[in-house]
Amino acid sequence: MNIYPLIKSFLFTMDAEKAHHLTLSLLKNEMLSPFVQLAKAKEVDCPKELFGLKFKNPVGLAAGLDKNAEAIDALGELGFGFVEIGTITPKPQDGNPKPRLFRLPQDQALINRMGFNNIGVAEAVRNLNKRKSDVLVGGNIGKNKITPNEEAVRDYEICFNALFDDVDYFAVNVSSPNTPGLRALQEKDALSLILHQLQHLNHGKKKAKPILLKIAPDLGLEQLDEIVEIVHDTRISGIIATNTTIERTGLPHYLPSEIENIGAGGLSGKPLTQKSTEVIAYLNKASNGSIPIIGVGGIMNAEHAIEKMNAGAQLVQLYSGFIYKGPQLIEDICRRLKQ
């Protein structure tokens, strides 16, 4: 029995961010584990090996939902093959003023301008040390808003070192549209500096861990070519494509004035489906299939996941699709992969 539609109907009566926090509170409450059992995806055994890691299945949770590593055990129990926490910054920060998370249900979309709100890396590590499950965990890392771009590499180093023993891979986030100036770090010189330094730290460890770069869907083809070049040059493990978009296309059920009233932020969900898949396909072709890719962006059904894999993704991640469809979407994708 899929009880998620009932849960969703209740949550969608609330402010989006309040519903988000309530969901996390319920997930991390062990007394409510019977409800997790009712809601979880049932057929998710679809093993995949990548980056030297063995995934229970290739469907992960994208960063942004469990920013502070609070509910990893329950999220793994729901069926995810891996969970990406964050974005984590060195110091705690409140993020942008509220309201900052908006649903557009008629177009199965979300707009957010959260702004890397999180409890800081030290508290995130404490939460990671409390987890009991063995679900694979990625650490999505970023810089604090107050850190100037010319000093950003230090923030990434702090998070990398602090999280190293407690995550299975890293995602370097330079692509959120909600921290002023952050996307400028996708430029070649700035990005090369960050990734080279992280790799230097990585290879100084007893055993290096996969480092992936999370990119925006709004990069031009020349920029994507540069990304491929940088990934090869720094020898990081792969790319996560893509983050949210600053575009406002694909929202036919809303007036332009309604969208304008929401204001700035990253758009995710169904309007991002094709755009992110096109980025994956281009990166795969430009790299001759040599760069592993995690596909994310607008996966609202199993077919969308298959399209991303056919375009070149080895793993996929859900965020908006999970909000709208629940754990059943994980099962639907795994079943489709077995056909």
Protein backbone atom coordinates (compact mmCIF):
# COMPACT_ATOMS: atom_id res chain seq x y z
CA MET A 1 0.00 0.00 0.00
CA ASN A 2 1.42 3.37 -1.04
CA ILE A 3 0.50 5.79 1.74
CA TYR A 4 2.59 8.66 0.36
CA PRO A 5 -0.32 10.34 -1.51
CA LEU A 6 -2.07 10.73 1.85
CA ILE A 7 1.08 12.10 3.47
CA LYS A 8 1.64 14.46 0.56
CA SER A 9 -1.93 15.79 0.65
CA PHE A 10 -1.38 16.73 4.30
CA LEU A 11 2.09 18.23 3.79
CA PHE A 12 0.94 20.29 0.80
CA THR A 13 -1.56 22.11 3.01
CA MET A 14 1.41 23.63 4.86
CA ASP A 15 4.05 26.19 3.98
CA ALA A 16 6.69 24.37 1.93
CA GLU A 17 9.60 24.93 4.30
CA LYS A 18 7.53 24.07 7.39
CA ALA A 19 6.49 20.83 5.67
CA HIS A 20 10.15 20.15 4.89
CA HIS A 21 11.19 20.49 8.54
CA LEU A 22 8.22 18.47 9.75
CA THR A 23 9.11 15.65 7.38
CA LEU A 24 12.69 15.55 8.65
CA SER A 25 11.50 15.60 12.25
CA LEU A 26 9.21 12.65 11.61
CA LEU A 27 11.86 10.71 9.69
CA LYS A 28 14.45 10.99 12.45
CA ASN A 29 11.97 9.97 15.17
CA GLU A 30 12.63 6.26 15.74
CA MET A 31 9.20 5.83 17.34
CA LEU A 32 7.68 6.49 13.92
CA SER A 33 9.69 3.81 12.13
CA PRO A 34 6.51 1.71 11.49
CA PHE A 35 5.24 4.54 9.28
CA VAL A 36 8.56 4.56 7.42
CA GLN A 37 8.08 0.84 6.83
CA LEU A 38 4.64 1.51 5.34
CA ALA A 39 5.89 4.30 3.09
CA LYS A 40 9.16 2.77 1.92
CA ALA A 41 9.86 1.45 -1.56
CA LYS A 42 9.75 -2.34 -1.54
CA GLU A 43 11.73 -3.61 -4.55
CA VAL A 44 14.98 -1.66 -4.66
CA ASP A 45 17.63 -4.36 -4.94
CA CYS A 46 19.39 -3.26 -8.11
CA PRO A 47 23.13 -3.20 -7.32
CA LYS A 48 25.50 -0.84 -9.06
CA GLU A 49 29.24 -0.37 -8.61
CA LEU A 50 30.88 2.97 -9.40
CA PHE A 51 33.83 4.97 -8.03
CA GLY A 52 34.89 1.79 -6.24
CA LEU A 53 31.67 1.96 -4.20
CA LYS A 54 28.90 -0.64 -4.11
CA PHE A 55 25.46 0.97 -4.29
CA LYS A 56 22.35 -0.97 -3.24
CA ASN A 57 20.70 0.67 -6.24
CA PRO A 58 21.58 3.60 -8.52
CA VAL A 59 18.87 5.95 -7.18
CA GLY A 60 20.12 8.52 -4.68
CA LEU A 61 18.73 11.47 -2.80
CA ALA A 62 20.14 14.76 -4.04
CA ALA A 63 21.62 17.33 -1.68
CA GLY A 64 19.24 19.87 -0.20
CA LEU A 65 16.70 17.69 1.57
CA ASP A 66 18.81 16.35 4.45
CA LYS A 67 21.20 19.28 4.67
CA ASN A 68 22.41 18.47 8.18
CA ALA A 69 22.66 14.66 8.05
CA GLU A 70 19.71 14.29 10.41
CA ALA A 71 17.69 11.51 8.80
CA ILE A 72 20.14 9.33 6.88
CA ASP A 73 18.99 6.06 8.48
CA ALA A 74 15.33 6.63 7.63
CA LEU A 75 16.11 7.84 4.10
CA GLY A 76 18.13 4.72 3.49
CA GLU A 77 15.26 2.66 4.86
CA LEU A 78 12.87 4.37 2.43
CA GLY A 79 14.87 2.79 -0.40
CA PHE A 80 17.56 5.20 -1.56
CA GLY A 81 20.79 3.62 -2.75
CA PHE A 82 22.74 6.62 -1.46
CA VAL A 83 22.06 9.90 0.33
CA GLU A 84 23.84 13.17 -0.35
CA ILE A 85 23.87 15.55 2.61
CA GLY A 86 24.44 19.29 2.52
CA THR A 87 25.30 21.66 1.20
CA ILE A 88 27.58 21.91 4.26
CA THR A 89 29.66 25.03 4.96
CA PRO A 90 32.44 25.51 7.52
CA LYS A 91 30.42 27.81 9.77
CA PRO A 92 26.70 27.56 10.53
CA GLN A 93 24.55 29.98 8.57
CA ASP A 94 20.87 30.86 8.48
CA GLY A 95 20.57 31.18 4.73
CA ASN A 96 18.36 33.69 2.94
CA PRO A 97 15.28 35.41 4.41
CA LYS A 98 12.00 33.50 4.41
CA PRO A 99 9.87 32.66 2.52
CA ARG A 100 12.45 30.93 0.32
CA LEU A 101 10.87 27.65 -0.82
CA PHE A 102 7.88 27.59 -3.17
CA ARG A 103 5.82 24.82 -4.77
CA LEU A 104 4.41 25.05 -8.29
CA PRO A 105 2.33 21.86 -8.20
CA GLN A 106 0.52 22.31 -11.51
CA ASP A 107 3.88 22.06 -13.25
CA GLN A 108 5.48 19.67 -10.72
CA ALA A 109 8.15 22.22 -9.91
CA LEU A 110 9.86 23.94 -6.99
CA ILE A 111 11.67 27.25 -6.66
CA ASN A 112 14.10 27.68 -3.80
CA ARG A 113 16.53 30.33 -2.63
CA MET A 114 17.55 28.66 0.62
CA GLY A 115 21.13 29.96 0.54
CA PHE A 116 23.10 27.07 2.07
CA ASN A 117 21.26 27.18 5.40
CA ASN A 118 22.97 24.55 7.56
CA ILE A 119 24.34 23.87 11.04
CA GLY A 120 27.99 23.95 9.99
CA VAL A 121 30.44 21.16 9.39
CA ALA A 122 31.27 20.38 13.05
CA GLU A 123 27.62 19.67 13.95
CA ALA A 124 27.08 17.77 10.70
CA VAL A 125 29.95 15.45 11.65
CA ARG A 126 28.30 14.83 15.02
CA ASN A 127 25.10 13.84 13.25
CA LEU A 128 26.97 11.57 10.87
CA ASN A 129 28.54 9.78 13.81
CA LYS A 130 25.06 8.96 15.18
CA ARG A 131 23.87 7.07 12.13
CA LYS A 132 23.38 3.31 12.28
CA SER A 133 22.70 2.27 8.68
CA ASP A 134 25.31 1.46 6.06
CA VAL A 135 23.68 3.44 3.24
CA LEU A 136 26.32 5.26 1.21
CA VAL A 137 26.59 8.97 2.00
CA GLY A 138 27.92 11.83 -0.10
CA GLY A 139 29.10 15.10 1.40
CA ASN A 140 28.06 18.13 -0.63
CA ILE A 141 30.36 21.01 0.35
CA GLY A 142 30.29 24.75 -0.27
CA LYS A 143 31.55 28.08 1.00
CA ASN A 144 30.05 30.42 3.55
CA LYS A 145 28.28 33.47 2.15
CA ILE A 146 30.66 35.83 3.97
CA THR A 147 33.74 34.17 2.47
CA PRO A 148 35.02 36.10 -0.57
CA ASN A 149 35.55 34.03 -3.70
CA GLU A 150 39.30 34.57 -3.61
CA GLU A 151 39.34 32.74 -0.26
CA ALA A 152 36.76 30.10 -1.17
CA VAL A 153 39.26 27.28 -1.54
CA ARG A 154 39.90 27.42 2.21
CA ASP A 155 36.22 26.79 2.98
CA TYR A 156 36.19 23.75 0.71
CA GLU A 157 39.37 22.46 2.37
CA ILE A 158 37.85 22.82 5.85
CA CYS A 159 34.73 20.88 4.92
CA PHE A 160 36.70 18.23 3.04
CA ASN A 161 39.01 17.51 5.97
CA ALA A 162 36.24 17.59 8.56
CA LEU A 163 33.92 15.23 6.65
CA PHE A 164 36.53 12.92 5.17
CA ASP A 165 36.22 10.05 7.63
CA ASP A 166 32.41 10.10 7.64
CA VAL A 167 31.30 10.26 4.00
CA ASP A 168 31.84 7.96 1.03
CA TYR A 169 32.26 10.62 -1.65
CA PHE A 170 32.33 14.40 -2.02
CA ALA A 171 30.28 16.74 -4.19
CA VAL A 172 31.85 20.15 -4.75
CA ASN A 173 29.02 22.65 -5.10
CA VAL A 174 29.96 25.75 -7.09
CA SER A 175 26.65 25.90 -8.92
CA SER A 176 23.90 26.99 -6.53
CA PRO A 177 22.28 30.23 -7.72
CA ASN A 178 21.40 31.23 -4.16
CA THR A 179 24.79 32.32 -2.79
CA PRO A 180 25.95 35.58 -4.40
CA GLY A 181 28.93 35.07 -6.68
CA LEU A 182 29.16 31.31 -6.13
CA ARG A 183 28.61 30.38 -9.76
CA ALA A 184 31.64 32.48 -10.71
CA LEU A 185 33.68 29.67 -9.14
CA GLN A 186 32.73 27.55 -12.17
CA GLU A 187 35.13 29.68 -14.22
CA LYS A 188 38.24 27.78 -15.25
CA ASP A 189 40.95 29.31 -13.05
CA ALA A 190 38.91 29.44 -9.85
CA LEU A 191 37.52 25.94 -10.30
CA SER A 192 40.89 24.42 -11.18
CA LEU A 193 42.40 25.89 -8.03
CA ILE A 194 39.69 24.40 -5.79
CA LEU A 195 39.74 20.96 -7.38
CA HIS A 196 43.53 20.70 -7.56
CA GLN A 197 43.81 21.61 -3.90
CA LEU A 198 41.13 19.11 -2.85
CA GLN A 199 42.86 16.41 -4.87
CA HIS A 200 46.15 17.32 -3.19
CA LEU A 201 44.50 16.79 0.20
CA ASN A 202 42.74 13.67 -1.07
CA HIS A 203 45.93 11.94 -2.19
CA GLY A 204 47.55 12.77 1.12
CA LYS A 205 45.01 10.55 2.87
CA LYS A 206 45.53 6.84 3.51
CA LYS A 207 42.88 6.08 0.89
CA ALA A 208 41.54 8.72 -1.48
CA LYS A 209 37.78 9.20 -1.88
CA PRO A 210 35.76 10.10 -4.98
CA ILE A 211 35.37 13.83 -5.62
CA LEU A 212 32.62 14.95 -7.96
CA LEU A 213 31.80 18.39 -9.33
CA LYS A 214 28.18 19.59 -9.27
CA ILE A 215 27.49 21.96 -12.14
CA ALA A 216 24.69 24.30 -13.19
CA PRO A 217 22.39 23.54 -16.12
CA ASP A 218 22.83 27.08 -17.43
CA LEU A 219 26.41 26.77 -18.70
CA GLY A 220 27.14 27.36 -22.38
CA LEU A 221 28.77 24.74 -24.58
CA GLU A 222 32.22 26.36 -24.31
CA GLN A 223 31.91 26.32 -20.53
CA LEU A 224 30.90 22.66 -20.60
CA ASP A 225 33.95 21.92 -22.74
CA GLU A 226 36.07 23.65 -20.11
CA ILE A 227 34.42 21.56 -17.39
CA VAL A 228 35.41 18.38 -19.24
CA GLU A 229 38.96 19.69 -19.58
CA ILE A 230 39.15 20.59 -15.87
CA VAL A 231 37.79 17.21 -14.78
CA HIS A 232 40.40 15.42 -16.89
CA ASP A 233 43.17 17.76 -15.72
CA THR A 234 42.38 17.44 -12.01
CA ARG A 235 41.48 13.76 -12.31
CA ILE A 236 38.45 14.03 -10.07
CA SER A 237 36.03 11.13 -10.23
CA GLY A 238 33.06 12.60 -12.05
CA ILE A 239 30.32 15.19 -12.49
CA ILE A 240 26.88 15.68 -10.96
CA ALA A 241 24.65 17.22 -13.62
CA THR A 242 22.76 19.32 -12.79
CA ASN A 243 21.85 21.81 -10.09
CA THR A 244 18.75 24.03 -10.34
CA THR A 245 18.26 26.53 -13.15
CA ILE A 246 17.80 30.29 -13.03
CA GLU A 247 15.59 30.11 -16.12
CA ARG A 248 11.80 30.29 -15.81
CA THR A 249 10.67 28.27 -18.82
CA GLY A 250 8.44 25.21 -18.67
CA LEU A 251 5.80 26.70 -16.38
CA PRO A 252 2.73 26.92 -18.65
CA HIS A 253 0.19 26.80 -15.83
CA TYR A 254 1.38 29.99 -14.15
CA LEU A 255 1.22 33.60 -15.26
CA PRO A 256 4.57 35.38 -15.71
CA SER A 257 3.47 37.80 -12.99
CA GLU A 258 2.95 34.90 -10.55
CA ILE A 259 6.45 33.59 -11.20
CA GLU A 260 7.92 37.08 -10.97
CA ASN A 261 6.25 37.58 -7.59
CA ILE A 262 8.07 34.52 -6.23
CA GLY A 263 11.37 36.19 -7.04
CA ALA A 264 14.88 34.81 -7.36
CA GLY A 265 15.92 31.21 -6.80
CA GLY A 266 16.68 27.94 -8.50
CA LEU A 267 13.94 26.16 -10.41
CA SER A 268 13.76 22.37 -10.16
CA GLY A 269 11.35 19.62 -11.08
CA LYS A 270 9.71 18.84 -14.39
CA PRO A 271 10.75 22.10 -16.15
CA LEU A 272 14.37 21.00 -15.68
CA THR A 273 13.96 17.46 -17.04
CA GLN A 274 15.02 17.99 -20.64
CA LYS A 275 17.60 20.67 -19.93
CA SER A 276 19.56 18.54 -17.46
CA THR A 277 19.39 15.51 -19.75
CA GLU A 278 20.80 17.58 -22.62
CA VAL A 279 23.71 18.68 -20.42
CA ILE A 280 24.41 15.04 -19.50
CA ALA A 281 24.35 14.00 -23.15
CA TYR A 282 26.71 16.79 -24.15
CA LEU A 283 29.19 16.04 -21.37
CA ASN A 284 29.13 12.35 -22.21
CA LYS A 285 29.79 13.03 -25.89
CA ALA A 286 32.43 15.69 -25.24
CA SER A 287 34.34 13.36 -22.93
CA ASN A 288 33.89 10.29 -25.14
CA GLY A 289 32.14 8.63 -22.23
CA SER A 290 35.25 8.88 -20.06
CA ILE A 291 33.67 10.84 -17.19
CA PRO A 292 31.21 9.14 -14.82
CA ILE A 293 28.07 11.25 -14.42
CA ILE A 294 25.35 11.34 -11.76
CA GLY A 295 22.20 12.60 -13.44
CA VAL A 296 19.84 14.84 -11.50
CA GLY A 297 17.20 17.34 -12.47
CA GLY A 298 13.52 16.79 -13.14
CA ILE A 299 13.33 13.02 -12.68
CA MET A 300 9.58 12.76 -12.12
CA ASN A 301 9.06 9.20 -13.34
CA ALA A 302 11.03 6.09 -14.21
CA GLU A 303 11.26 7.03 -17.90
CA HIS A 304 13.04 10.28 -17.03
CA ALA A 305 15.66 8.27 -15.11
CA ILE A 306 16.15 5.91 -18.05
CA GLU A 307 16.53 8.88 -20.40
CA LYS A 308 19.30 10.27 -18.24
CA MET A 309 21.05 6.91 -18.13
CA ASN A 310 20.73 6.55 -21.89
CA ALA A 311 22.26 10.03 -22.19
CA GLY A 312 25.29 8.92 -20.19
CA ALA A 313 24.46 8.96 -16.48
CA GLN A 314 25.54 5.95 -14.39
CA LEU A 315 23.60 6.97 -11.27
CA VAL A 316 20.64 9.30 -10.73
CA GLN A 317 19.40 11.47 -7.88
CA LEU A 318 15.95 12.66 -6.88
CA TYR A 319 14.78 15.79 -5.13
CA SER A 320 11.64 17.39 -6.55
CA GLY A 321 10.50 14.04 -7.92
CA PHE A 322 10.73 12.61 -4.42
CA ILE A 323 8.68 15.52 -3.03
CA TYR A 324 5.94 15.00 -5.62
CA LYS A 325 5.98 11.20 -6.02
CA GLY A 326 7.47 9.82 -2.79
CA PRO A 327 9.45 6.59 -2.29
CA GLN A 328 7.38 4.76 -4.91
CA LEU A 329 9.45 6.57 -7.53
CA ILE A 330 12.59 4.77 -6.32
CA GLU A 331 10.86 1.42 -6.75
CA ASP A 332 9.49 2.39 -10.17
CA ILE A 333 12.99 3.26 -11.41
CA CYS A 334 14.54 0.06 -10.05
CA ARG A 335 11.80 -2.07 -11.62
CA ARG A 336 12.26 -0.33 -14.95
CA LEU A 337 16.01 -0.97 -14.83
CA LYS A 338 15.42 -4.69 -14.33
CA GLN A 339 13.25 -5.01 -17.43
